[in-house]
Amino acid sequence: MDQRVIVITGASDGIGAEAARTLHARGNAVVVVGRSPAKTEQVARSIGVPFYVADFAKLSDVRRLASNLRRDLPRIDVLANNAGGIFGEREVTVDGHEKTMQINYLAPFLLTHELMDVLIASRASVLNTSSIAAKFFSRFDINDLEVTDRYSQRVAYGNAKLENILFTFELHRRFHEQGISAVAFHPGNVASNFANDTNSLMRYVYHSPLRNLFLISTAKGADNLIWLASTTPGRDWQSGKYYIKHSISDSLDVQALDPENARLLWEKSLGFIGA
């Protein structure tokens, strides 16, 4: 078959950059997206692929990114929504949304929404990076998506990663018959620059010698993303599922399995982006 066109967000560092290198080396047409102009360009130039810069804390950047991708790419076979992070004290973006929720969930939702006709025409796979934080840290409340009540860094992050899973389920429900395949996955606890912007215990684990004891390499962390981007939905993996280590996870709690939560989250998200 022709080269797969694979767009990877959060690809200026960590598992996104690692996946971009490997997928390009395997003959795919990789497109790198990152927040830092210098780091994103460095990764892209090192492997010889095009790149785009977008700050997901600004929804205007996400809309501009989608417009540029639509202009420049004939199709998109894989959209890897990989950008994200955990942050410190509660912040509100220029768009009026809690920062962790916007960067990890709402911005990827918007990007996917803005590219939907291209994705459908391409019969694309949409890969959403989630985390086991969805199970261990989430205190999800469909009526408090901005985490205004009893905010904590870990809860905001866990909620956002649960929202990635709910988004995946609802994306599958709404668009699978039109050709979209959607999957969420946990990459593992990866020794990267993750948690660099937080003062939580996570920062100590990720940025101290403990990382050598408890965390896996970026190469291992990128494995699930690379596998999902390289293989065929319906044959190698099932759309509308959450994967850990190439296997469907049965560790989700009742909130993640509630189709009503997935439906309501989608509807509220459309309101957030003015759609």
C-alpha atoms as a PDB file:
ATOM      1  CA  MET A   1       0.000   0.000   0.000  1.00  0.00           C
ATOM      2  CA  ASP A   2       0.996   3.673  -0.266  1.00  0.00           C
ATOM      3  CA  GLN A   3       2.734   5.415   2.600  1.00  0.00           C
ATOM      4  CA  ARG A   4       0.499   6.024   5.586  1.00  0.00           C
ATOM      5  CA  VAL A   5       0.172   9.714   6.417  1.00  0.00           C
ATOM      6  CA  ILE A   6       0.561   9.863  10.206  1.00  0.00           C
ATOM      7  CA  VAL A   7       0.076  13.086  12.176  1.00  0.00           C
ATOM      8  CA  ILE A   8       1.493  12.967  15.712  1.00  0.00           C
ATOM      9  CA  THR A   9       0.840  15.737  18.234  1.00  0.00           C
ATOM     10  CA  GLY A  10       3.058  16.122  21.275  1.00  0.00           C
ATOM     11  CA  ALA A  11       5.919  14.968  19.062  1.00  0.00           C
ATOM     12  CA  SER A  12       8.619  17.428  20.085  1.00  0.00           C
ATOM     13  CA  ASP A  13       9.748  15.147  22.920  1.00  0.00           C
ATOM     14  CA  GLY A  14       9.109  11.853  24.702  1.00  0.00           C
ATOM     15  CA  ILE A  15       7.064   9.071  23.161  1.00  0.00           C
ATOM     16  CA  GLY A  16       5.741  11.309  20.397  1.00  0.00           C
ATOM     17  CA  ALA A  17       9.227  12.054  19.106  1.00  0.00           C
ATOM     18  CA  GLU A  18      10.260   8.413  19.497  1.00  0.00           C
ATOM     19  CA  ALA A  19       7.206   7.207  17.600  1.00  0.00           C
ATOM     20  CA  ALA A  20       7.805   9.768  14.841  1.00  0.00           C
ATOM     21  CA  ARG A  21      11.368   8.533  14.338  1.00  0.00           C
ATOM     22  CA  THR A  22      10.393   4.864  14.239  1.00  0.00           C
ATOM     23  CA  LEU A  23       7.334   5.287  12.030  1.00  0.00           C
ATOM     24  CA  HIS A  24       9.299   7.423   9.569  1.00  0.00           C
ATOM     25  CA  ALA A  25      12.103   4.839   9.492  1.00  0.00           C
ATOM     26  CA  ARG A  26       9.484   2.231   8.562  1.00  0.00           C
ATOM     27  CA  GLY A  27       8.512   4.211   5.476  1.00  0.00           C
ATOM     28  CA  ASN A  28       5.518   6.209   6.671  1.00  0.00           C
ATOM     29  CA  ALA A  29       4.852   9.859   5.834  1.00  0.00           C
ATOM     30  CA  VAL A  30       5.063  11.331   9.329  1.00  0.00           C
ATOM     31  CA  VAL A  31       3.987  14.847  10.299  1.00  0.00           C
ATOM     32  CA  VAL A  32       5.283  16.229  13.595  1.00  0.00           C
ATOM     33  CA  VAL A  33       3.279  18.654  15.761  1.00  0.00           C
ATOM     34  CA  GLY A  34       4.619  20.267  18.940  1.00  0.00           C
ATOM     35  CA  ARG A  35       4.326  23.302  21.191  1.00  0.00           C
ATOM     36  CA  SER A  36       7.968  24.409  21.283  1.00  0.00           C
ATOM     37  CA  PRO A  37       9.116  25.856  17.938  1.00  0.00           C
ATOM     38  CA  ALA A  38      12.783  25.004  18.559  1.00  0.00           C
ATOM     39  CA  LYS A  39      12.239  21.461  19.852  1.00  0.00           C
ATOM     40  CA  THR A  40       9.615  20.614  17.247  1.00  0.00           C
ATOM     41  CA  GLU A  41      11.811  21.810  14.403  1.00  0.00           C
ATOM     42  CA  GLN A  42      14.806  19.947  15.804  1.00  0.00           C
ATOM     43  CA  VAL A  43      12.915  16.631  15.899  1.00  0.00           C
ATOM     44  CA  ALA A  44      11.447  17.164  12.438  1.00  0.00           C
ATOM     45  CA  ARG A  45      14.736  18.207  10.846  1.00  0.00           C
ATOM     46  CA  SER A  46      16.576  15.275  12.414  1.00  0.00           C
ATOM     47  CA  ILE A  47      14.342  12.794  10.622  1.00  0.00           C
ATOM     48  CA  GLY A  48      13.440  14.867   7.568  1.00  0.00           C
ATOM     49  CA  VAL A  49       9.682  15.346   8.003  1.00  0.00           C
ATOM     50  CA  PRO A  50       7.347  18.370   7.945  1.00  0.00           C
ATOM     51  CA  PHE A  51       6.303  19.994  11.190  1.00  0.00           C
ATOM     52  CA  TYR A  52       3.726  22.368  12.630  1.00  0.00           C
ATOM     53  CA  VAL A  53       3.781  24.353  15.855  1.00  0.00           C
ATOM     54  CA  ALA A  54       0.663  24.731  17.982  1.00  0.00           C
ATOM     55  CA  ASP A  55       0.086  25.578  21.636  1.00  0.00           C
ATOM     56  CA  PHE A  56      -2.908  23.558  22.806  1.00  0.00           C
ATOM     57  CA  ALA A  57      -3.507  26.102  25.580  1.00  0.00           C
ATOM     58  CA  LYS A  58      -4.866  28.293  22.755  1.00  0.00           C
ATOM     59  CA  LEU A  59      -7.800  26.905  20.790  1.00  0.00           C
ATOM     60  CA  SER A  60      -7.040  29.428  18.037  1.00  0.00           C
ATOM     61  CA  ASP A  61      -3.723  27.586  17.540  1.00  0.00           C
ATOM     62  CA  VAL A  62      -5.592  24.295  17.229  1.00  0.00           C
ATOM     63  CA  ARG A  63      -7.943  25.724  14.621  1.00  0.00           C
ATOM     64  CA  ARG A  64      -5.005  27.154  12.688  1.00  0.00           C
ATOM     65  CA  LEU A  65      -3.235  23.797  12.876  1.00  0.00           C
ATOM     66  CA  ALA A  66      -6.297  22.002  11.513  1.00  0.00           C
ATOM     67  CA  SER A  67      -6.597  24.517   8.688  1.00  0.00           C
ATOM     68  CA  ASN A  68      -2.945  24.079   7.751  1.00  0.00           C
ATOM     69  CA  LEU A  69      -3.168  20.289   7.836  1.00  0.00           C
ATOM     70  CA  ARG A  70      -6.263  20.363   5.628  1.00  0.00           C
ATOM     71  CA  ARG A  71      -4.434  22.640   3.190  1.00  0.00           C
ATOM     72  CA  ASP A  72      -1.212  20.647   3.034  1.00  0.00           C
ATOM     73  CA  LEU A  73      -2.129  16.979   3.367  1.00  0.00           C
ATOM     74  CA  PRO A  74      -3.976  14.972   0.708  1.00  0.00           C
ATOM     75  CA  ARG A  75      -5.240  12.630   3.391  1.00  0.00           C
ATOM     76  CA  ILE A  76      -4.635  11.602   7.011  1.00  0.00           C
ATOM     77  CA  ASP A  77      -4.474   7.877   7.674  1.00  0.00           C
ATOM     78  CA  VAL A  78      -3.600   8.158  11.365  1.00  0.00           C
ATOM     79  CA  LEU A  79      -4.183  11.046  13.775  1.00  0.00           C
ATOM     80  CA  ALA A  80      -2.298  10.424  17.020  1.00  0.00           C
ATOM     81  CA  ASN A  81      -3.654  12.763  19.687  1.00  0.00           C
ATOM     82  CA  ASN A  82      -0.633  12.449  21.956  1.00  0.00           C
ATOM     83  CA  ALA A  83      -0.109  15.978  23.336  1.00  0.00           C
ATOM     84  CA  GLY A  84      -0.721  16.443  27.048  1.00  0.00           C
ATOM     85  CA  GLY A  85       0.749  16.876  30.493  1.00  0.00           C
ATOM     86  CA  ILE A  86       0.124  17.473  34.172  1.00  0.00           C
ATOM     87  CA  PHE A  87       0.433  20.989  35.528  1.00  0.00           C
ATOM     88  CA  GLY A  88       0.614  22.875  38.813  1.00  0.00           C
ATOM     89  CA  GLU A  89      -1.920  25.162  40.418  1.00  0.00           C
ATOM     90  CA  ARG A  90      -5.257  25.602  38.717  1.00  0.00           C
ATOM     91  CA  GLU A  91      -4.960  27.835  35.653  1.00  0.00           C
ATOM     92  CA  VAL A  92      -7.518  29.096  33.183  1.00  0.00           C
ATOM     93  CA  THR A  93      -6.522  29.417  29.539  1.00  0.00           C
ATOM     94  CA  VAL A  94      -7.198  32.384  27.268  1.00  0.00           C
ATOM     95  CA  ASP A  95     -10.253  30.420  26.120  1.00  0.00           C
ATOM     96  CA  GLY A  96     -11.628  30.295  29.658  1.00  0.00           C
ATOM     97  CA  HIS A  97     -11.058  26.606  30.343  1.00  0.00           C
ATOM     98  CA  GLU A  98      -9.086  24.775  33.012  1.00  0.00           C
ATOM     99  CA  LYS A  99      -5.645  24.243  31.490  1.00  0.00           C
ATOM    100  CA  THR A 100      -5.183  20.516  32.132  1.00  0.00           C
ATOM    101  CA  MET A 101      -8.572  19.648  30.663  1.00  0.00           C
ATOM    102  CA  GLN A 102      -8.037  21.841  27.616  1.00  0.00           C
ATOM    103  CA  ILE A 103      -4.546  20.657  26.698  1.00  0.00           C
ATOM    104  CA  ASN A 104      -5.107  16.955  27.347  1.00  0.00           C
ATOM    105  CA  TYR A 105      -8.679  16.589  26.135  1.00  0.00           C
ATOM    106  CA  LEU A 106     -10.516  19.585  24.671  1.00  0.00           C
ATOM    107  CA  ALA A 107      -7.799  20.622  22.197  1.00  0.00           C
ATOM    108  CA  PRO A 108      -7.507  17.063  20.764  1.00  0.00           C
ATOM    109  CA  PHE A 109     -11.312  16.924  20.592  1.00  0.00           C
ATOM    110  CA  LEU A 110     -11.330  20.187  18.640  1.00  0.00           C
ATOM    111  CA  LEU A 111      -8.534  19.079  16.305  1.00  0.00           C
ATOM    112  CA  THR A 112     -10.363  15.833  15.537  1.00  0.00           C
ATOM    113  CA  HIS A 113     -13.638  17.697  15.028  1.00  0.00           C
ATOM    114  CA  GLU A 114     -12.044  20.210  12.647  1.00  0.00           C
ATOM    115  CA  LEU A 115     -10.457  17.404  10.599  1.00  0.00           C
ATOM    116  CA  MET A 116     -13.454  15.083  10.630  1.00  0.00           C
ATOM    117  CA  ASP A 117     -14.315  15.213   6.941  1.00  0.00           C
ATOM    118  CA  VAL A 118     -10.675  14.517   6.007  1.00  0.00           C
ATOM    119  CA  LEU A 119     -10.498  11.679   8.520  1.00  0.00           C
ATOM    120  CA  ILE A 120     -13.704  10.106   7.221  1.00  0.00           C
ATOM    121  CA  ALA A 121     -12.569  10.374   3.611  1.00  0.00           C
ATOM    122  CA  SER A 122      -9.247   8.767   4.603  1.00  0.00           C
ATOM    123  CA  ARG A 123     -10.925   6.017   6.677  1.00  0.00           C
ATOM    124  CA  ALA A 124      -8.506   7.103   9.373  1.00  0.00           C
ATOM    125  CA  SER A 125      -7.493   5.730  12.736  1.00  0.00           C
ATOM    126  CA  VAL A 126      -7.639   8.189  15.651  1.00  0.00           C
ATOM    127  CA  LEU A 127      -5.295   7.241  18.496  1.00  0.00           C
ATOM    128  CA  ASN A 128      -5.805   8.949  21.861  1.00  0.00           C
ATOM    129  CA  THR A 129      -3.048   8.758  24.449  1.00  0.00           C
ATOM    130  CA  SER A 130      -4.625   8.117  27.841  1.00  0.00           C
ATOM    131  CA  SER A 131      -3.196   6.837  31.131  1.00  0.00           C
ATOM    132  CA  ILE A 132      -3.902   4.580  34.081  1.00  0.00           C
ATOM    133  CA  ALA A 133      -4.351   7.920  35.880  1.00  0.00           C
ATOM    134  CA  ALA A 134      -7.887   7.715  34.482  1.00  0.00           C
ATOM    135  CA  LYS A 135      -8.509   4.899  36.943  1.00  0.00           C
ATOM    136  CA  PHE A 136      -6.401   5.932  39.922  1.00  0.00           C
ATOM    137  CA  PHE A 137      -6.749   9.732  40.042  1.00  0.00           C
ATOM    138  CA  SER A 138     -10.025  10.619  38.343  1.00  0.00           C
ATOM    139  CA  ARG A 139     -12.937  12.061  40.284  1.00  0.00           C
ATOM    140  CA  PHE A 140     -15.042  12.636  37.206  1.00  0.00           C
ATOM    141  CA  ASP A 141     -18.126  14.852  37.403  1.00  0.00           C
ATOM    142  CA  ILE A 142     -19.921  15.610  34.139  1.00  0.00           C
ATOM    143  CA  ASN A 143     -21.199  18.818  35.756  1.00  0.00           C
ATOM    144  CA  ASP A 144     -17.722  19.958  36.832  1.00  0.00           C
ATOM    145  CA  LEU A 145     -15.444  19.297  33.875  1.00  0.00           C
ATOM    146  CA  GLU A 146     -13.372  22.371  34.764  1.00  0.00           C
ATOM    147  CA  VAL A 147     -12.569  20.922  38.236  1.00  0.00           C
ATOM    148  CA  THR A 148     -13.712  24.014  40.111  1.00  0.00           C
ATOM    149  CA  ASP A 149     -14.642  21.983  43.188  1.00  0.00           C
ATOM    150  CA  ARG A 150     -11.695  20.697  45.268  1.00  0.00           C
ATOM    151  CA  TYR A 151      -9.115  21.118  42.543  1.00  0.00           C
ATOM    152  CA  SER A 152      -5.961  19.016  42.612  1.00  0.00           C
ATOM    153  CA  GLN A 153      -3.337  18.478  39.936  1.00  0.00           C
ATOM    154  CA  ARG A 154      -3.750  14.718  39.952  1.00  0.00           C
ATOM    155  CA  VAL A 155      -7.554  14.818  39.807  1.00  0.00           C
ATOM    156  CA  ALA A 156      -7.481  17.272  36.893  1.00  0.00           C
ATOM    157  CA  TYR A 157      -5.041  15.032  35.039  1.00  0.00           C
ATOM    158  CA  GLY A 158      -6.933  11.830  35.839  1.00  0.00           C
ATOM    159  CA  ASN A 159     -10.199  13.385  34.722  1.00  0.00           C
ATOM    160  CA  ALA A 160      -8.663  14.555  31.443  1.00  0.00           C
ATOM    161  CA  LYS A 161      -7.289  11.096  30.703  1.00  0.00           C
ATOM    162  CA  LEU A 162     -10.665   9.538  31.480  1.00  0.00           C
ATOM    163  CA  GLU A 163     -12.196  12.064  29.090  1.00  0.00           C
ATOM    164  CA  ASN A 164      -9.798  10.831  26.391  1.00  0.00           C
ATOM    165  CA  ILE A 165     -11.250   7.350  26.861  1.00  0.00           C
ATOM    166  CA  LEU A 166     -14.871   8.545  26.854  1.00  0.00           C
ATOM    167  CA  PHE A 167     -14.083  10.581  23.723  1.00  0.00           C
ATOM    168  CA  THR A 168     -12.712   7.444  22.075  1.00  0.00           C
ATOM    169  CA  PHE A 169     -15.826   5.428  22.854  1.00  0.00           C
ATOM    170  CA  GLU A 170     -18.177   8.131  21.584  1.00  0.00           C
ATOM    171  CA  LEU A 171     -16.067   8.807  18.480  1.00  0.00           C
ATOM    172  CA  HIS A 172     -16.367   5.122  17.653  1.00  0.00           C
ATOM    173  CA  ARG A 173     -20.115   5.107  18.279  1.00  0.00           C
ATOM    174  CA  ARG A 174     -20.797   8.149  16.121  1.00  0.00           C
ATOM    175  CA  PHE A 175     -18.369   7.654  13.249  1.00  0.00           C
ATOM    176  CA  HIS A 176     -17.176   4.053  12.976  1.00  0.00           C
ATOM    177  CA  GLU A 177     -19.801   3.219  10.344  1.00  0.00           C
ATOM    178  CA  GLN A 178     -18.439   6.152   8.314  1.00  0.00           C
ATOM    179  CA  GLY A 179     -14.940   4.672   8.350  1.00  0.00           C
ATOM    180  CA  ILE A 180     -13.332   6.073  11.502  1.00  0.00           C
ATOM    181  CA  SER A 181     -11.517   3.722  13.886  1.00  0.00           C
ATOM    182  CA  ALA A 182     -10.810   5.099  17.359  1.00  0.00           C
ATOM    183  CA  VAL A 183      -8.722   3.714  20.185  1.00  0.00           C
ATOM    184  CA  ALA A 184      -7.299   4.937  23.493  1.00  0.00           C
ATOM    185  CA  PHE A 185      -4.143   3.533  25.048  1.00  0.00           C
ATOM    186  CA  HIS A 186      -1.893   3.738  28.090  1.00  0.00           C
ATOM    187  CA  PRO A 187       1.769   4.082  27.050  1.00  0.00           C
ATOM    188  CA  GLY A 188       3.162   3.114  30.441  1.00  0.00           C
ATOM    189  CA  ASN A 189       4.945   5.269  32.976  1.00  0.00           C
ATOM    190  CA  VAL A 190       7.671   6.722  30.786  1.00  0.00           C
ATOM    191  CA  ALA A 191      10.976   8.350  31.763  1.00  0.00           C
ATOM    192  CA  SER A 192      10.485  11.593  29.827  1.00  0.00           C
ATOM    193  CA  ASN A 193       9.999  15.305  30.572  1.00  0.00           C
ATOM    194  CA  PHE A 194       6.466  14.551  31.749  1.00  0.00           C
ATOM    195  CA  ALA A 195       5.430  16.377  34.961  1.00  0.00           C
ATOM    196  CA  ASN A 196       8.034  19.067  34.375  1.00  0.00           C
ATOM    197  CA  ASP A 197       5.426  21.776  35.024  1.00  0.00           C
ATOM    198  CA  THR A 198       4.001  20.431  38.264  1.00  0.00           C
ATOM    199  CA  ASN A 199       5.108  20.505  41.898  1.00  0.00           C
ATOM    200  CA  SER A 200       3.378  17.231  42.737  1.00  0.00           C
ATOM    201  CA  LEU A 201       4.994  13.973  43.799  1.00  0.00           C
ATOM    202  CA  MET A 202       4.991  12.992  40.124  1.00  0.00           C
ATOM    203  CA  ARG A 203       7.659  15.590  39.404  1.00  0.00           C
ATOM    204  CA  TYR A 204       9.939  14.018  42.014  1.00  0.00           C
ATOM    205  CA  VAL A 205       9.483  10.553  40.525  1.00  0.00           C
ATOM    206  CA  TYR A 206       9.940  11.670  36.932  1.00  0.00           C
ATOM    207  CA  HIS A 207      12.898  13.986  37.583  1.00  0.00           C
ATOM    208  CA  SER A 208      15.010  12.166  40.134  1.00  0.00           C
ATOM    209  CA  PRO A 209      17.016   8.909  40.219  1.00  0.00           C
ATOM    210  CA  LEU A 210      13.733   7.137  41.055  1.00  0.00           C
ATOM    211  CA  ARG A 211      12.911   7.307  37.332  1.00  0.00           C
ATOM    212  CA  ASN A 212      15.480   4.577  36.760  1.00  0.00           C
ATOM    213  CA  LEU A 213      13.641   2.273  39.160  1.00  0.00           C
ATOM    214  CA  PHE A 214       9.986   2.873  38.321  1.00  0.00           C
ATOM    215  CA  LEU A 215       9.779   4.218  34.779  1.00  0.00           C
ATOM    216  CA  ILE A 216      10.251   2.711  31.341  1.00  0.00           C
ATOM    217  CA  SER A 217      12.226   4.140  28.432  1.00  0.00           C
ATOM    218  CA  THR A 218      10.637   6.364  25.794  1.00  0.00           C
ATOM    219  CA  ALA A 219      11.264   3.568  23.279  1.00  0.00           C
ATOM    220  CA  LYS A 220       9.130   1.160  25.325  1.00  0.00           C
ATOM    221  CA  GLY A 221       6.576   3.885  26.006  1.00  0.00           C
ATOM    222  CA  ALA A 222       6.183   4.593  22.288  1.00  0.00           C
ATOM    223  CA  ASP A 223       5.581   0.925  21.498  1.00  0.00           C
ATOM    224  CA  ASN A 224       1.784   1.003  21.813  1.00  0.00           C
ATOM    225  CA  LEU A 225       1.488   4.148  19.692  1.00  0.00           C
ATOM    226  CA  ILE A 226       3.764   2.669  17.016  1.00  0.00           C
ATOM    227  CA  TRP A 227       1.889  -0.636  17.036  1.00  0.00           C
ATOM    228  CA  LEU A 228      -1.539   0.987  16.718  1.00  0.00           C
ATOM    229  CA  ALA A 229      -0.356   3.351  13.971  1.00  0.00           C
ATOM    230  CA  SER A 230       1.295   0.513  12.022  1.00  0.00           C
ATOM    231  CA  THR A 231      -1.414  -2.112  12.155  1.00  0.00           C
ATOM    232  CA  THR A 232      -4.955  -2.560  10.847  1.00  0.00           C
ATOM    233  CA  PRO A 233      -8.073  -1.856  12.920  1.00  0.00           C
ATOM    234  CA  GLY A 234     -10.565  -4.685  12.828  1.00  0.00           C
ATOM    235  CA  ARG A 235      -7.772  -7.177  12.250  1.00  0.00           C
ATOM    236  CA  ASP A 236      -5.032  -6.318  14.742  1.00  0.00           C
ATOM    237  CA  TRP A 237      -7.018  -4.193  17.200  1.00  0.00           C
ATOM    238  CA  GLN A 238     -10.634  -3.279  17.895  1.00  0.00           C
ATOM    239  CA  SER A 239     -12.027   0.193  17.447  1.00  0.00           C
ATOM    240  CA  GLY A 240     -13.758   1.770  20.433  1.00  0.00           C
ATOM    241  CA  LYS A 241     -11.517   0.117  23.035  1.00  0.00           C
ATOM    242  CA  TYR A 242      -8.829   1.063  25.561  1.00  0.00           C
ATOM    243  CA  TYR A 243      -5.509  -0.784  25.282  1.00  0.00           C
ATOM    244  CA  ILE A 244      -2.616  -1.501  27.611  1.00  0.00           C
ATOM    245  CA  LYS A 245       0.369  -3.456  26.221  1.00  0.00           C
ATOM    246  CA  HIS A 246      -1.363  -4.491  22.985  1.00  0.00           C
ATOM    247  CA  SER A 247      -4.347  -5.873  24.902  1.00  0.00           C
ATOM    248  CA  ILE A 248      -7.810  -4.546  25.638  1.00  0.00           C
ATOM    249  CA  SER A 249      -7.895  -3.362  29.233  1.00  0.00           C
ATOM    250  CA  ASP A 250     -10.641  -4.507  31.574  1.00  0.00           C
ATOM    251  CA  SER A 251      -9.441  -2.214  34.376  1.00  0.00           C
ATOM    252  CA  LEU A 252     -11.774   0.704  33.650  1.00  0.00           C
ATOM    253  CA  ASP A 253     -14.221   1.872  36.294  1.00  0.00           C
ATOM    254  CA  VAL A 254     -17.933   2.371  35.859  1.00  0.00           C
ATOM    255  CA  GLN A 255     -17.588   6.031  34.816  1.00  0.00           C
ATOM    256  CA  ALA A 256     -15.429   5.148  31.820  1.00  0.00           C
ATOM    257  CA  LEU A 257     -17.869   2.443  30.773  1.00  0.00           C
ATOM    258  CA  ASP A 258     -20.967   4.648  31.048  1.00  0.00           C
ATOM    259  CA  PRO A 259     -22.193   5.480  27.509  1.00  0.00           C
ATOM    260  CA  GLU A 260     -24.287   8.333  28.887  1.00  0.00           C
ATOM    261  CA  ASN A 261     -21.164  10.002  30.281  1.00  0.00           C
ATOM    262  CA  ALA A 262     -19.524   9.644  26.864  1.00  0.00           C
ATOM    263  CA  ARG A 263     -22.543  11.145  25.105  1.00  0.00           C
ATOM    264  CA  LEU A 264     -22.884  14.055  27.531  1.00  0.00           C
ATOM    265  CA  LEU A 265     -19.168  14.795  27.419  1.00  0.00           C
ATOM    266  CA  TRP A 266     -19.318  15.015  23.620  1.00  0.00           C
ATOM    267  CA  GLU A 267     -22.293  17.376  23.711  1.00  0.00           C
ATOM    268  CA  LYS A 268     -20.696  19.615  26.349  1.00  0.00           C
ATOM    269  CA  SER A 269     -17.460  19.651  24.374  1.00  0.00           C
ATOM    270  CA  LEU A 270     -19.271  20.820  21.251  1.00  0.00           C
ATOM    271  CA  GLY A 271     -20.565  23.704  23.354  1.00  0.00           C
ATOM    272  CA  PHE A 272     -17.065  24.491  24.603  1.00  0.00           C
ATOM    273  CA  ILE A 273     -15.731  24.797  21.044  1.00  0.00           C
ATOM    274  CA  GLY A 274     -18.770  26.692  19.787  1.00  0.00           C
ATOM    275  CA  ALA A 275     -19.868  23.965  17.383  1.00  0.00           C
END
